[in-house]
Amino acid sequence: MAEIDNNGINQEEILPKNFIQQQIIDDLAEGKNGGRVHTRFPPEPNGYLHIGHAKSICLNFGTARKFGGLTNLRFDDTNPTKEDTEYVDSIMEDVRWLGFDWDDRLYYASDYFDKLYEFAVSLIKTGKAYVDFQSQEVISEQKGVPTRPGIDSPYRNTSPEENLEIFARMKDGFYNEGECVLRAKIDMSSPNMHMRDPLMYRILKQPHHRTGDKWCIYPMYDYAHGQCDYWEGITHSICTLEFEVHRPLYDWFIDELKDSDYRPRQIEFSRLNITYNVMSKRLLLLMVKEGYVKGWDDPRMPTICGLRRRGYTPESMRAFSDRVGVTKVDGVTDVAVLEYCIREDLNKTAQRVMGVIDPLKVVITNYPEGLVEELDAINNPEDESKGKRKVPFSRELYIEREDFMENPTNKFYRLSVGREVRLRYSYFIKCNEVIKNDQGEVIELHCTYDPETRGGNAPDGRKVKATLHWVAVAQAVKAEVRLYDRLFTDADPSGHKDKDFLDFLNPDSLSVLTDCYIEPFVKNGKPLDSFQFERLGYFNIDPDTTTDKIVFNRIVSLKDGFKKL
C-alpha cells in the first residue's frame, strides 16, 4: 500500500526521476523553506514559445504538481523594445493548452519596477553599485578575459552620494540612451565574467506595454529575475544550462536582499534541441518576418502554436517532455522521438476514416447502378467503446493511384489487371480493363466485384494479398490536403559556421494537394479535430477550413520512413 504523508502526498509517486526532483527531495528532508515547493515559468514576451519552452513549462509546472506545490507564471518584461501584448496572450494560451494553470499567480517583472529601483538605491548607498558613463564597447574591453583580471572603471569609486544623484537623473530622463548604465560593484578580478561589475540598469526611452512612459530605465535580466523569485517566494528556480555561470550573480543579489533564512535555489538543466529545427526565437522571428513561413503558427514551425495547428496534442507534448528527460549535458533529440509520441497518442484516440489523396477512379461494372450500400466500419480498433460508423459504397469509387500498377513488379501485391484485392470493409474486386487518356495516362479502372465477399471475406476461403482503402465518388467530401516535410534539409541547420541556416531551408517542406476525397464522416468535424486516414497517416482539420472547403494537415505518417506521397 502506498504511503501517504501528512501533506497528502503519495510517497511512491514522488520517487525521483531526475536530479532536479532529487534536489527538491533533499531540500524537503532538510526542512528548507518551510517544506514548500514553489516554481515559476518566466518567459520573455518577445515572441511565440517553441517546443523547448514546452519542455520548461512541463518541467516547472509538472515538478511543482508532483510535490503538491505551486507554480507562478511571470513575464520577464524588462525590454520594451521587443515585447508585445500579442506575445503575452499567446504564451498564456500555450500554457493552458499544455494542461497547466497558474490560478491567481500571474506576475510581471514590471510589477516590481518600483521595488527593483529602491533595491538599486540601497546598493548604491552601501557602495555596491555605481553609474558608469563609458560605452558598452569600452566596458566589455575592460572586463577582459577569465584568465586575467579586468580593469576597474574610472567611475567605480564615485561616492554613493554622487551616484544617488546621477541615478535619480537617469530615472528622470536627463541622460540619453547609451550615455550611462548602472553597474553592481562586485569583483573585477573574478574568473566568472558575470561577476565583473555586471550591468543592472540601462536607459531605454521606449514606452512599456504595461507601464507606459513611467520609466526610461529598465533592469537587466540578471538583476531582476532573482529578486522577483525572492519576492514571490519561489523555492526552486529551474532554468536552462546556459544560466549555470550566472548562478553566483543570482546568489549575490539574493544575499544582498534577503532578510530571512528563506532563499530560492537556482537549478539548471540542458535545453532542448531537436533535429531539423532551429530553437532560437530570434531565428524563428526572422523566418516569420521575411516570409519564409506563413506565420508563427505555420505547421512546419517548432512553435507550440504551430505544433497545435499541425495536430499535435497536449498529451503528446507532455509525454515527449517526460520521455526526453532532464540532464546536465547538452545534446540533440531526434525529431522522430516527438513523432513517436504523437503517433502513440493518436493511435489510441484518433477517429479512423478513409481518405484518398491521389485519386484514381474505379468503376465496378457488375455493381447495380444507383445502388448505395451502408457498410459498417470500425471507428478505432484501440477503443471498442467508440463503436462503428456507416460508410457508403457504390458503383464508382476512388482508390489511391499508387495502389494500382499496370505492369506490377514481383513484390507489388496490390491491384493490377487480372488481380483480385480486398476493399476495406466491403468486397473483393478484380481489375479487368484500364482506361487511358490521349497522353497514355491511366485515368480509370474497370473492375468487377464478388457479391459473396461482403465484409471482406470469401466464403470459399480464397485469400488476397492486399487490402485497399477507398471512398465512394458520389458521397465523398472533396478536400485540400497539406503534406509537410522537414522544414530544413540538414539535421543541425544553425550549427554550421560557414553557412547561414537559411541555406538549408527545404523547398519541398510543403506540398498542397487539391483533388483529394474523404469519406462523408468528416463533414461534422471542426478545426483541429484529428483523424487517422487509414493506411496514410494522421491528419487534422486546419483552421483555414470554410463552409466551401475543408482543409487537412498531415500531422505525421503512420510509421517512420513512410515514403513521400
Protein backbone atom coordinates (compact mmCIF):
# COMPACT_ATOMS: atom_id res chain seq x y z
CA MET A 1 0.00 0.00 0.00
CA ALA A 2 1.31 3.44 -0.91
CA GLU A 3 2.50 5.59 1.98
CA ILE A 4 0.70 8.93 2.26
CA ASP A 5 2.48 11.65 4.28
CA ASN A 6 0.93 14.37 6.44
CA ASN A 7 0.64 16.67 3.43
CA GLY A 8 -1.40 14.12 1.47
CA ILE A 9 1.45 13.35 -0.92
CA ASN A 10 1.83 9.80 -2.22
CA GLN A 11 5.44 8.99 -1.38
CA GLU A 12 5.69 6.39 -4.14
CA GLU A 13 4.69 8.99 -6.71
CA ILE A 14 7.47 11.40 -5.72
CA LEU A 15 10.32 8.96 -6.11
CA PRO A 16 12.88 10.96 -8.10
CA LYS A 17 13.04 10.58 -11.87
CA ASN A 18 15.81 13.15 -12.29
CA PHE A 19 18.38 15.19 -10.40
CA ILE A 20 16.03 18.17 -10.02
CA GLN A 21 13.46 16.08 -8.20
CA GLN A 22 16.23 14.57 -6.06
CA GLN A 23 17.41 18.08 -5.11
CA ILE A 24 13.87 19.00 -4.07
CA ILE A 25 13.54 15.82 -2.03
CA ASP A 26 16.81 16.64 -0.27
CA ASP A 27 15.64 20.20 0.45
CA LEU A 28 12.37 18.93 1.87
CA ALA A 29 14.22 16.43 4.04
CA GLU A 30 16.34 19.28 5.43
CA GLY A 31 13.25 21.35 6.14
CA LYS A 32 14.27 24.19 3.84
CA ASN A 33 11.76 26.93 3.01
CA GLY A 34 9.23 25.53 5.44
CA GLY A 35 8.72 22.40 3.36
CA ARG A 36 7.34 24.40 0.43
CA VAL A 37 7.86 23.70 -3.28
CA HIS A 38 7.17 26.75 -5.43
CA THR A 39 8.43 27.09 -9.01
CA ARG A 40 7.88 29.64 -11.78
CA PHE A 41 7.86 29.80 -15.57
CA PRO A 42 9.34 33.20 -16.57
CA PRO A 43 9.11 33.75 -20.37
CA GLU A 44 10.08 36.98 -22.06
CA PRO A 45 7.10 38.19 -24.16
CA ASN A 46 9.19 38.88 -27.26
CA GLY A 47 7.96 36.04 -29.47
CA TYR A 48 5.89 32.89 -29.58
CA LEU A 49 7.00 29.93 -27.49
CA HIS A 50 8.57 26.86 -29.11
CA ILE A 51 8.83 23.24 -28.08
CA GLY A 52 11.88 23.97 -25.92
CA HIS A 53 9.69 26.25 -23.83
CA ALA A 54 7.08 23.49 -23.73
CA LYS A 55 9.62 21.26 -22.02
CA SER A 56 10.33 24.02 -19.48
CA ILE A 57 6.60 24.56 -18.89
CA CYS A 58 6.07 20.84 -18.29
CA LEU A 59 9.12 20.68 -16.05
CA ASN A 60 8.22 23.68 -13.87
CA PHE A 61 4.50 23.06 -13.55
CA GLY A 62 4.87 19.27 -13.52
CA THR A 63 7.57 19.26 -10.83
CA ALA A 64 5.59 21.51 -8.51
CA ARG A 65 2.45 19.44 -9.10
CA LYS A 66 4.36 16.26 -8.26
CA PHE A 67 5.27 17.64 -4.83
CA GLY A 68 1.93 19.30 -4.14
CA GLY A 69 3.44 22.74 -4.72
CA LEU A 70 2.65 25.86 -6.73
CA THR A 71 3.88 27.44 -9.96
CA ASN A 72 3.77 31.09 -10.99
CA LEU A 73 3.59 32.45 -14.50
CA ARG A 74 5.77 35.54 -14.60
CA PHE A 75 6.55 37.56 -17.69
CA ASP A 76 10.10 38.89 -17.88
CA ASP A 77 9.01 42.17 -19.48
CA THR A 78 12.17 44.21 -18.91
CA ASN A 79 12.89 45.09 -22.55
CA PRO A 80 10.09 47.21 -24.06
CA THR A 81 11.82 47.38 -27.46
CA LYS A 82 10.93 43.76 -28.24
CA GLU A 83 7.82 42.97 -26.20
CA ASP A 84 4.15 42.99 -27.10
CA THR A 85 0.82 42.04 -25.55
CA GLU A 86 0.27 39.73 -28.54
CA TYR A 87 3.06 37.55 -27.21
CA VAL A 88 1.69 37.72 -23.66
CA ASP A 89 -1.69 36.44 -24.82
CA SER A 90 -0.15 33.67 -26.93
CA ILE A 91 2.04 32.46 -24.06
CA MET A 92 -0.92 32.22 -21.69
CA GLU A 93 -2.85 30.29 -24.32
CA ASP A 94 0.08 27.89 -24.79
CA VAL A 95 0.47 27.18 -21.08
CA ARG A 96 -3.23 26.47 -20.66
CA TRP A 97 -3.30 24.30 -23.79
CA LEU A 98 -0.49 22.16 -22.37
CA GLY A 99 -2.74 21.44 -19.39
CA PHE A 100 -1.41 23.80 -16.74
CA ASP A 101 -2.75 26.83 -14.90
CA TRP A 102 -1.23 29.47 -12.63
CA ASP A 103 -4.56 30.22 -10.89
CA ASP A 104 -4.18 33.69 -9.33
CA ARG A 105 -0.38 33.69 -9.60
CA LEU A 106 0.15 35.77 -12.74
CA TYR A 107 3.02 38.23 -12.39
CA TYR A 108 5.20 40.52 -14.46
CA ALA A 109 8.71 41.73 -13.79
CA SER A 110 7.22 45.19 -14.34
CA ASP A 111 5.15 44.62 -11.18
CA TYR A 112 8.43 45.03 -9.31
CA PHE A 113 9.93 48.02 -11.11
CA ASP A 114 9.48 50.28 -8.07
CA LYS A 115 10.94 47.71 -5.68
CA LEU A 116 13.83 46.97 -8.02
CA TYR A 117 14.60 50.68 -8.23
CA GLU A 118 14.56 51.01 -4.44
CA PHE A 119 16.82 47.96 -4.08
CA ALA A 120 19.25 49.51 -6.56
CA VAL A 121 19.23 52.70 -4.50
CA SER A 122 20.06 50.67 -1.36
CA LEU A 123 23.03 49.06 -3.15
CA ILE A 124 24.28 52.49 -4.23
CA LYS A 125 24.01 53.75 -0.65
CA THR A 126 26.20 50.88 0.62
CA GLY A 127 28.77 51.45 -2.12
CA LYS A 128 27.85 48.28 -4.01
CA ALA A 129 26.59 49.91 -7.22
CA TYR A 130 27.71 52.84 -9.34
CA VAL A 131 26.86 54.71 -12.55
CA ASP A 132 29.29 54.25 -15.42
CA PHE A 133 29.42 56.70 -18.33
CA GLN A 134 31.65 54.56 -20.54
CA SER A 135 30.39 52.96 -23.75
CA GLN A 136 29.41 49.30 -23.89
CA GLU A 137 32.45 48.58 -26.05
CA VAL A 138 34.84 50.07 -23.51
CA ILE A 139 33.16 48.31 -20.58
CA SER A 140 33.37 45.00 -22.43
CA GLU A 141 37.05 45.57 -23.22
CA GLN A 142 37.84 46.45 -19.61
CA LYS A 143 36.22 43.24 -18.38
CA GLY A 144 38.96 41.37 -20.24
CA VAL A 145 39.08 37.58 -20.25
CA PRO A 146 38.64 34.95 -17.48
CA THR A 147 42.37 34.20 -17.31
CA ARG A 148 43.40 37.69 -16.21
CA PRO A 149 41.81 40.39 -14.06
CA GLY A 150 39.73 43.12 -15.62
CA ILE A 151 40.37 46.86 -15.40
CA ASP A 152 38.41 48.96 -12.92
CA SER A 153 36.14 51.58 -14.39
CA PRO A 154 37.28 55.17 -13.68
CA TYR A 155 33.75 55.68 -12.24
CA ARG A 156 33.99 52.69 -9.88
CA ASN A 157 34.87 54.77 -6.82
CA THR A 158 32.43 57.61 -7.33
CA SER A 159 30.87 58.46 -3.97
CA PRO A 160 27.47 56.95 -3.07
CA GLU A 161 26.03 60.46 -2.74
CA GLU A 162 27.03 61.42 -6.26
CA ASN A 163 25.86 58.08 -7.67
CA LEU A 164 22.47 58.53 -5.99
CA GLU A 165 22.05 61.93 -7.62
CA ILE A 166 23.12 60.65 -11.05
CA PHE A 167 20.89 57.56 -10.82
CA ALA A 168 17.91 59.73 -9.95
CA ARG A 169 18.64 61.86 -13.04
CA MET A 170 18.83 58.67 -15.13
CA LYS A 171 15.37 57.77 -13.89
CA ASP A 172 14.07 61.26 -14.69
CA GLY A 173 15.26 61.02 -18.31
CA PHE A 174 18.12 63.52 -18.07
CA TYR A 175 20.54 61.27 -19.99
CA ASN A 176 20.29 59.80 -23.48
CA GLU A 177 20.15 56.13 -24.37
CA GLY A 178 23.60 54.58 -24.12
CA GLU A 179 25.03 57.55 -22.22
CA CYS A 180 25.37 55.66 -18.94
CA VAL A 181 24.45 52.48 -17.11
CA LEU A 182 24.19 51.33 -13.50
CA ARG A 183 26.62 48.56 -12.56
CA ALA A 184 26.95 46.36 -9.50
CA LYS A 185 30.29 46.74 -7.73
CA ILE A 186 31.45 43.15 -7.17
CA ASP A 187 34.83 41.81 -8.31
CA MET A 188 36.71 42.81 -11.48
CA SER A 189 39.23 40.00 -10.88
CA SER A 190 36.68 37.20 -10.67
CA PRO A 191 37.25 34.33 -13.16
CA ASN A 192 33.48 34.39 -13.66
CA MET A 193 32.92 37.20 -16.15
CA HIS A 194 29.34 37.71 -14.92
CA MET A 195 30.72 38.86 -11.57
CA ARG A 196 32.87 41.60 -13.08
CA ASP A 197 30.68 44.57 -12.17
CA PRO A 198 27.64 43.49 -14.22
CA LEU A 199 25.07 45.91 -15.60
CA MET A 200 21.93 46.43 -13.52
CA TYR A 201 20.12 49.20 -15.44
CA ARG A 202 20.27 50.72 -18.91
CA ILE A 203 18.43 53.66 -20.44
CA LEU A 204 15.65 52.80 -22.93
CA LYS A 205 13.39 55.69 -23.84
CA GLN A 206 10.66 53.40 -25.06
CA PRO A 207 7.07 53.06 -23.83
CA HIS A 208 6.35 49.85 -21.99
CA HIS A 209 3.31 47.73 -22.83
CA ARG A 210 2.19 47.84 -19.18
CA THR A 211 3.82 50.86 -17.54
CA GLY A 212 3.62 53.25 -20.47
CA ASP A 213 6.07 56.17 -20.21
CA LYS A 214 6.62 55.91 -16.46
CA TRP A 215 10.12 54.53 -16.84
CA CYS A 216 13.02 55.26 -19.13
CA ILE A 217 15.45 52.99 -17.28
CA TYR A 218 14.90 49.24 -17.26
CA PRO A 219 16.53 46.49 -15.18
CA MET A 220 18.70 43.82 -16.75
CA TYR A 221 17.51 40.22 -16.59
CA ASP A 222 20.30 39.05 -14.26
CA TYR A 223 19.40 41.78 -11.82
CA ALA A 224 15.62 41.49 -11.97
CA HIS A 225 14.92 37.81 -12.12
CA GLY A 226 16.42 36.66 -8.84
CA GLN A 227 14.76 39.44 -6.90
CA CYS A 228 11.39 38.63 -8.48
CA ASP A 229 11.90 35.00 -7.44
CA TYR A 230 12.62 36.12 -3.89
CA TRP A 231 9.64 38.44 -3.58
CA GLU A 232 7.30 35.77 -4.93
CA GLY A 233 8.53 33.10 -2.52
CA ILE A 234 9.98 30.85 -5.23
CA THR A 235 11.85 27.92 -3.73
CA HIS A 236 13.36 26.37 -6.87
CA SER A 237 14.31 28.48 -9.88
CA ILE A 238 14.60 25.90 -12.67
CA CYS A 239 16.34 27.24 -15.76
CA THR A 240 18.42 26.08 -18.71
CA LEU A 241 22.09 25.25 -18.56
CA GLU A 242 23.41 28.50 -20.06
CA PHE A 243 22.43 30.21 -16.79
CA GLU A 244 24.71 28.00 -14.70
CA VAL A 245 27.53 30.56 -14.89
CA HIS A 246 25.02 33.25 -13.88
CA ARG A 247 24.17 31.44 -10.63
CA PRO A 248 26.89 33.16 -8.48
CA LEU A 249 25.46 36.53 -9.55
CA TYR A 250 21.91 35.30 -8.84
CA ASP A 251 23.06 34.30 -5.34
CA TRP A 252 24.99 37.55 -4.80
CA PHE A 253 21.93 39.70 -5.39
CA ILE A 254 19.81 37.42 -3.18
CA ASP A 255 22.39 37.67 -0.40
CA GLU A 256 22.24 41.46 -0.59
CA LEU A 257 18.44 41.45 -0.50
CA LYS A 258 17.33 38.66 1.80
CA ASP A 259 16.27 39.31 5.37
CA SER A 260 15.40 35.74 6.44
CA ASP A 261 16.60 32.14 6.15
CA TYR A 262 14.44 31.64 3.06
CA ARG A 263 16.17 31.76 -0.30
CA PRO A 264 15.36 30.44 -3.78
CA ARG A 265 17.71 27.85 -5.26
CA GLN A 266 18.66 28.01 -8.94
CA ILE A 267 18.91 24.61 -10.65
CA GLU A 268 19.97 24.23 -14.28
CA PHE A 269 19.16 21.61 -16.90
CA SER A 270 20.14 21.20 -20.54
CA ARG A 271 17.97 22.97 -23.09
CA LEU A 272 16.05 21.05 -25.70
CA ASN A 273 17.40 20.86 -29.24
CA ILE A 274 15.60 18.87 -31.95
CA THR A 275 16.96 17.73 -35.29
CA TYR A 276 15.85 19.53 -38.49
CA ASN A 277 14.76 22.60 -36.49
CA VAL A 278 16.10 25.86 -35.12
CA MET A 279 15.29 26.62 -31.49
CA SER A 280 16.05 30.32 -31.35
CA LYS A 281 13.25 32.86 -31.09
CA ARG A 282 15.45 35.29 -32.99
CA LEU A 283 15.78 32.92 -35.96
CA LEU A 284 12.13 31.95 -35.83
CA LEU A 285 11.15 35.63 -35.81
CA LEU A 286 13.38 36.23 -38.82
CA MET A 287 11.63 33.44 -40.77
CA VAL A 288 8.24 34.89 -39.91
CA LYS A 289 9.15 38.48 -40.79
CA GLU A 290 10.93 37.54 -44.04
CA GLY A 291 8.06 35.32 -45.18
CA TYR A 292 9.92 32.01 -45.23
CA VAL A 293 6.95 30.58 -43.32
CA LYS A 294 3.32 31.70 -43.17
CA GLY A 295 3.39 32.89 -39.58
CA TRP A 296 4.23 31.80 -36.06
CA ASP A 297 1.56 29.09 -36.30
CA ASP A 298 2.79 27.65 -39.59
CA PRO A 299 2.52 23.86 -39.04
CA ARG A 300 6.15 23.45 -40.08
CA MET A 301 7.35 25.64 -37.20
CA PRO A 302 8.52 24.17 -33.86
CA THR A 303 6.39 26.76 -32.05
CA ILE A 304 3.74 25.47 -29.68
CA CYS A 305 1.02 27.19 -31.71
CA GLY A 306 2.47 25.72 -34.93
CA LEU A 307 2.52 22.22 -33.47
CA ARG A 308 -1.02 22.71 -32.15
CA ARG A 309 -2.23 23.74 -35.62
CA ARG A 310 -0.33 20.81 -37.14
CA GLY A 311 -2.37 18.49 -34.90
CA TYR A 312 -0.08 17.70 -32.00
CA THR A 313 -1.95 17.14 -28.75
CA PRO A 314 -1.06 18.40 -25.26
CA GLU A 315 -0.89 14.77 -24.13
CA SER A 316 1.75 14.00 -26.75
CA MET A 317 3.76 17.09 -25.81
CA ARG A 318 3.75 16.18 -22.13
CA ALA A 319 4.72 12.60 -23.00
CA PHE A 320 7.57 13.90 -25.15
CA SER A 321 8.83 16.14 -22.36
CA ASP A 322 8.79 13.21 -19.97
CA ARG A 323 10.47 10.89 -22.47
CA VAL A 324 13.42 13.19 -23.30
CA GLY A 325 14.00 13.67 -19.58
CA VAL A 326 16.24 16.12 -17.75
CA THR A 327 20.02 16.11 -17.98
CA LYS A 328 23.04 18.31 -17.34
CA VAL A 329 24.54 17.55 -20.75
CA ASP A 330 23.66 19.44 -23.93
CA GLY A 331 22.50 17.21 -26.73
CA VAL A 332 20.16 16.92 -29.68
CA THR A 333 16.94 14.91 -29.66
CA ASP A 334 15.88 13.22 -32.87
CA VAL A 335 12.60 14.66 -34.15
CA ALA A 336 11.48 11.04 -34.57
CA VAL A 337 11.01 10.88 -30.79
CA LEU A 338 8.45 13.70 -30.99
CA GLU A 339 6.73 11.97 -33.91
CA TYR A 340 6.62 8.71 -31.97
CA CYS A 341 4.82 10.46 -29.10
CA ILE A 342 2.07 11.88 -31.30
CA ARG A 343 1.61 8.55 -33.08
CA GLU A 344 1.33 6.77 -29.76
CA ASP A 345 -1.32 9.23 -28.54
CA LEU A 346 -3.38 9.43 -31.73
CA ASN A 347 -3.31 5.67 -32.24
CA LYS A 348 -5.39 5.43 -29.08
CA THR A 349 -7.67 8.39 -29.66
CA ALA A 350 -7.98 9.35 -33.33
CA GLN A 351 -11.14 8.63 -35.31
CA ARG A 352 -10.46 6.32 -38.27
CA VAL A 353 -11.73 7.34 -41.69
CA MET A 354 -10.83 6.51 -45.27
CA GLY A 355 -9.43 9.20 -47.50
CA VAL A 356 -7.83 9.15 -50.95
CA ILE A 357 -5.30 11.91 -51.56
CA ASP A 358 -4.12 10.91 -55.06
CA PRO A 359 -7.31 9.54 -56.60
CA LEU A 360 -7.77 7.00 -59.38
CA LYS A 361 -11.34 6.25 -60.39
CA VAL A 362 -12.69 2.69 -60.25
CA VAL A 363 -15.95 1.64 -61.91
CA ILE A 364 -17.40 -1.69 -60.72
CA THR A 365 -19.12 -2.71 -63.91
CA ASN A 366 -21.26 -5.51 -62.41
CA TYR A 367 -22.48 -3.45 -59.46
CA PRO A 368 -26.09 -2.18 -59.80
CA GLU A 369 -26.33 1.40 -60.98
CA GLY A 370 -27.91 3.73 -58.42
CA LEU A 371 -27.40 1.32 -55.51
CA VAL A 372 -25.72 2.69 -52.38
CA GLU A 373 -24.91 0.35 -49.51
CA GLU A 374 -24.13 1.41 -45.95
CA LEU A 375 -21.26 -0.70 -44.67
CA ASP A 376 -20.02 -0.96 -41.08
CA ALA A 377 -16.56 0.46 -40.34
CA ILE A 378 -14.63 0.47 -37.06
CA ASN A 379 -14.06 3.90 -35.54
CA ASN A 380 -10.98 2.95 -33.54
CA PRO A 381 -9.70 -0.62 -33.07
CA GLU A 382 -7.83 0.53 -29.94
CA ASP A 383 -11.06 1.66 -28.26
CA GLU A 384 -14.11 -0.55 -28.66
CA SER A 385 -16.28 2.00 -26.86
CA LYS A 386 -16.06 4.26 -29.92
CA GLY A 387 -18.18 1.79 -31.86
CA LYS A 388 -18.75 1.76 -35.60
CA ARG A 389 -19.89 4.11 -38.35
CA LYS A 390 -21.60 3.67 -41.70
CA VAL A 391 -19.57 4.10 -44.90
CA PRO A 392 -21.35 4.45 -48.27
CA PHE A 393 -20.38 2.02 -51.06
CA SER A 394 -21.48 2.39 -54.68
CA ARG A 395 -20.61 1.57 -58.29
CA GLU A 396 -17.97 4.33 -58.69
CA LEU A 397 -15.10 4.62 -56.24
CA TYR A 398 -11.75 6.29 -55.80
CA ILE A 399 -8.67 4.36 -54.77
CA GLU A 400 -5.12 5.60 -54.22
CA ARG A 401 -3.27 5.89 -57.53
CA GLU A 402 -0.20 4.17 -56.10
CA ASP A 403 -2.35 1.13 -55.25
CA PHE A 404 -2.52 0.24 -58.97
CA MET A 405 0.33 -0.83 -61.22
CA GLU A 406 -0.24 -1.72 -64.84
CA ASN A 407 2.93 -3.78 -65.05
CA PRO A 408 3.47 -4.95 -61.47
CA THR A 409 6.88 -5.78 -60.05
CA ASN A 410 7.50 -9.04 -58.22
CA LYS A 411 6.80 -7.56 -54.80
CA PHE A 412 3.78 -5.47 -55.76
CA TYR A 413 0.67 -7.19 -54.37
CA ARG A 414 -1.94 -4.51 -54.84
CA LEU A 415 -4.28 -4.00 -57.79
CA SER A 416 -3.28 -4.80 -61.36
CA VAL A 417 -5.04 -6.21 -64.41
CA GLY A 418 -6.38 -9.70 -63.65
CA ARG A 419 -5.58 -9.48 -59.94
CA GLU A 420 -8.04 -9.55 -57.07
CA VAL A 421 -7.77 -7.41 -53.93
CA ARG A 422 -9.96 -6.66 -50.92
CA LEU A 423 -11.58 -3.26 -50.43
CA ARG A 424 -11.59 -2.37 -46.75
CA TYR A 425 -14.92 -3.26 -45.03
CA SER A 426 -16.55 -4.20 -48.35
CA TYR A 427 -15.82 -6.67 -51.18
CA PHE A 428 -13.20 -8.38 -53.27
CA ILE A 429 -12.73 -6.69 -56.64
CA LYS A 430 -10.80 -7.75 -59.75
CA CYS A 431 -9.38 -5.34 -62.35
CA ASN A 432 -10.39 -6.21 -65.90
CA GLU A 433 -9.69 -3.13 -68.01
CA VAL A 434 -7.55 0.01 -67.93
CA ILE A 435 -8.83 3.29 -69.44
CA LYS A 436 -6.25 5.84 -70.58
CA ASN A 437 -6.36 9.39 -71.88
CA ASP A 438 -4.75 10.70 -75.08
CA GLN A 439 -1.42 11.08 -73.27
CA GLY A 440 -1.41 7.43 -72.27
CA GLU A 441 -2.10 8.14 -68.61
CA VAL A 442 -4.32 5.77 -66.65
CA ILE A 443 -7.50 7.64 -65.70
CA GLU A 444 -9.95 4.88 -64.84
CA LEU A 445 -10.13 1.17 -63.97
CA HIS A 446 -12.99 -1.13 -64.80
CA CYS A 447 -13.41 -3.86 -62.23
CA THR A 448 -15.89 -6.49 -61.15
CA TYR A 449 -16.82 -7.37 -57.59
CA ASP A 450 -17.79 -10.63 -55.90
CA PRO A 451 -21.07 -10.00 -54.02
CA GLU A 452 -20.38 -13.09 -51.88
CA THR A 453 -17.41 -11.38 -50.22
CA ARG A 454 -19.29 -8.61 -48.40
CA GLY A 455 -17.43 -7.74 -45.21
CA GLY A 456 -14.11 -8.65 -46.79
CA ASN A 457 -14.09 -12.45 -46.59
CA ALA A 458 -14.65 -15.08 -49.28
CA PRO A 459 -16.96 -17.97 -48.33
CA ASP A 460 -14.84 -20.36 -50.38
CA GLY A 461 -11.80 -19.47 -48.29
CA ARG A 462 -9.73 -17.88 -51.05
CA LYS A 463 -7.21 -15.27 -49.95
CA VAL A 464 -5.92 -12.00 -51.37
CA LYS A 465 -2.62 -10.33 -50.57
CA ALA A 466 -3.74 -6.71 -50.31
CA THR A 467 -6.47 -4.63 -48.71
CA LEU A 468 -7.05 -1.15 -50.14
CA HIS A 469 -8.81 1.90 -48.76
CA TRP A 470 -11.36 3.69 -50.95
CA VAL A 471 -14.19 6.25 -50.99
CA ALA A 472 -17.44 6.33 -52.93
CA VAL A 473 -17.31 9.02 -55.61
CA ALA A 474 -20.82 10.44 -55.20
CA GLN A 475 -20.71 10.73 -51.42
CA ALA A 476 -17.05 11.71 -50.94
CA VAL A 477 -16.09 15.08 -49.47
CA LYS A 478 -13.59 16.93 -51.64
CA ALA A 479 -10.70 18.31 -49.62
CA GLU A 480 -7.38 20.12 -49.77
CA VAL A 481 -4.61 18.18 -48.08
CA ARG A 482 -1.33 19.76 -46.99
CA LEU A 483 1.62 17.40 -46.68
CA TYR A 484 4.51 18.61 -44.53
CA ASP A 485 8.12 17.51 -44.69
CA ARG A 486 11.11 18.68 -42.63
CA LEU A 487 11.47 22.46 -42.64
CA PHE A 488 15.24 22.05 -43.12
CA THR A 489 17.29 19.58 -45.11
CA ASP A 490 20.07 19.46 -42.51
CA ALA A 491 19.71 17.94 -39.04
CA ASP A 492 21.53 20.91 -37.48
CA PRO A 493 20.83 23.90 -39.75
CA SER A 494 22.16 26.53 -37.35
CA GLY A 495 25.29 24.58 -36.44
CA HIS A 496 27.43 25.47 -39.46
CA LYS A 497 29.98 28.27 -39.07
CA ASP A 498 30.47 28.69 -42.81
CA LYS A 499 26.79 28.67 -43.84
CA ASP A 500 23.61 30.51 -42.97
CA PHE A 501 20.82 28.38 -41.53
CA LEU A 502 18.54 29.60 -44.32
CA ASP A 503 20.78 27.80 -46.82
CA PHE A 504 19.22 24.58 -45.54
CA LEU A 505 15.55 25.52 -45.94
CA ASN A 506 13.70 22.66 -47.58
CA PRO A 507 11.95 23.90 -50.75
CA ASP A 508 9.65 20.85 -50.57
CA SER A 509 8.61 21.26 -46.94
CA LEU A 510 5.00 21.84 -48.03
CA SER A 511 3.03 20.10 -50.76
CA VAL A 512 -0.61 21.07 -51.34
CA LEU A 513 -2.96 18.52 -52.91
CA THR A 514 -6.28 19.99 -54.01
CA ASP A 515 -8.01 16.96 -55.54
CA CYS A 516 -8.47 14.71 -52.50
CA TYR A 517 -11.58 12.83 -51.38
CA ILE A 518 -12.56 11.81 -47.86
CA GLU A 519 -15.48 9.72 -46.64
CA PRO A 520 -18.51 11.82 -45.57
CA PHE A 521 -17.99 11.23 -41.84
CA VAL A 522 -15.61 14.21 -41.72
CA LYS A 523 -18.38 16.67 -42.64
CA ASN A 524 -19.16 17.05 -38.95
CA GLY A 525 -15.55 17.74 -37.97
CA LYS A 526 -14.32 21.06 -36.65
CA PRO A 527 -10.90 22.75 -36.83
CA LEU A 528 -8.13 20.83 -35.04
CA ASP A 529 -10.13 17.56 -34.94
CA SER A 530 -7.77 14.66 -35.63
CA PHE A 531 -8.30 11.59 -37.81
CA GLN A 532 -6.34 8.62 -38.95
CA PHE A 533 -6.68 8.28 -42.71
CA GLU A 534 -6.34 4.53 -42.93
CA ARG A 535 -3.02 3.45 -44.45
CA LEU A 536 -1.94 7.09 -44.98
CA GLY A 537 -1.26 8.71 -41.63
CA TYR A 538 -2.73 11.08 -39.08
CA PHE A 539 -4.42 14.26 -40.27
CA ASN A 540 -6.32 17.12 -38.68
CA ILE A 541 -8.70 19.79 -39.90
CA ASP A 542 -6.90 23.09 -40.44
CA PRO A 543 -8.44 26.40 -39.26
CA ASP A 544 -8.37 27.56 -42.90
CA THR A 545 -11.40 25.33 -43.44
CA THR A 546 -14.55 27.15 -44.58
CA THR A 547 -18.10 26.13 -45.40
CA ASP A 548 -16.96 25.75 -49.02
CA LYS A 549 -13.65 23.97 -48.48
CA ILE A 550 -12.31 21.54 -45.91
CA VAL A 551 -8.53 21.60 -45.39
CA PHE A 552 -6.47 18.86 -43.76
CA ASN A 553 -2.91 18.90 -42.45
CA ARG A 554 -0.92 15.71 -42.32
CA ILE A 555 0.30 15.54 -38.73
CA VAL A 556 2.58 12.56 -39.18
CA SER A 557 2.78 9.37 -41.21
CA LEU A 558 1.71 6.05 -39.73
CA LYS A 559 5.29 4.94 -39.21
CA ASP A 560 8.86 6.10 -39.61
CA GLY A 561 10.16 6.03 -43.14
CA PHE A 562 6.74 6.32 -44.75
CA LYS A 563 7.62 7.37 -48.25
CA LYS A 564 6.67 10.78 -49.53
CA LEU A 565 3.38 10.62 -51.39
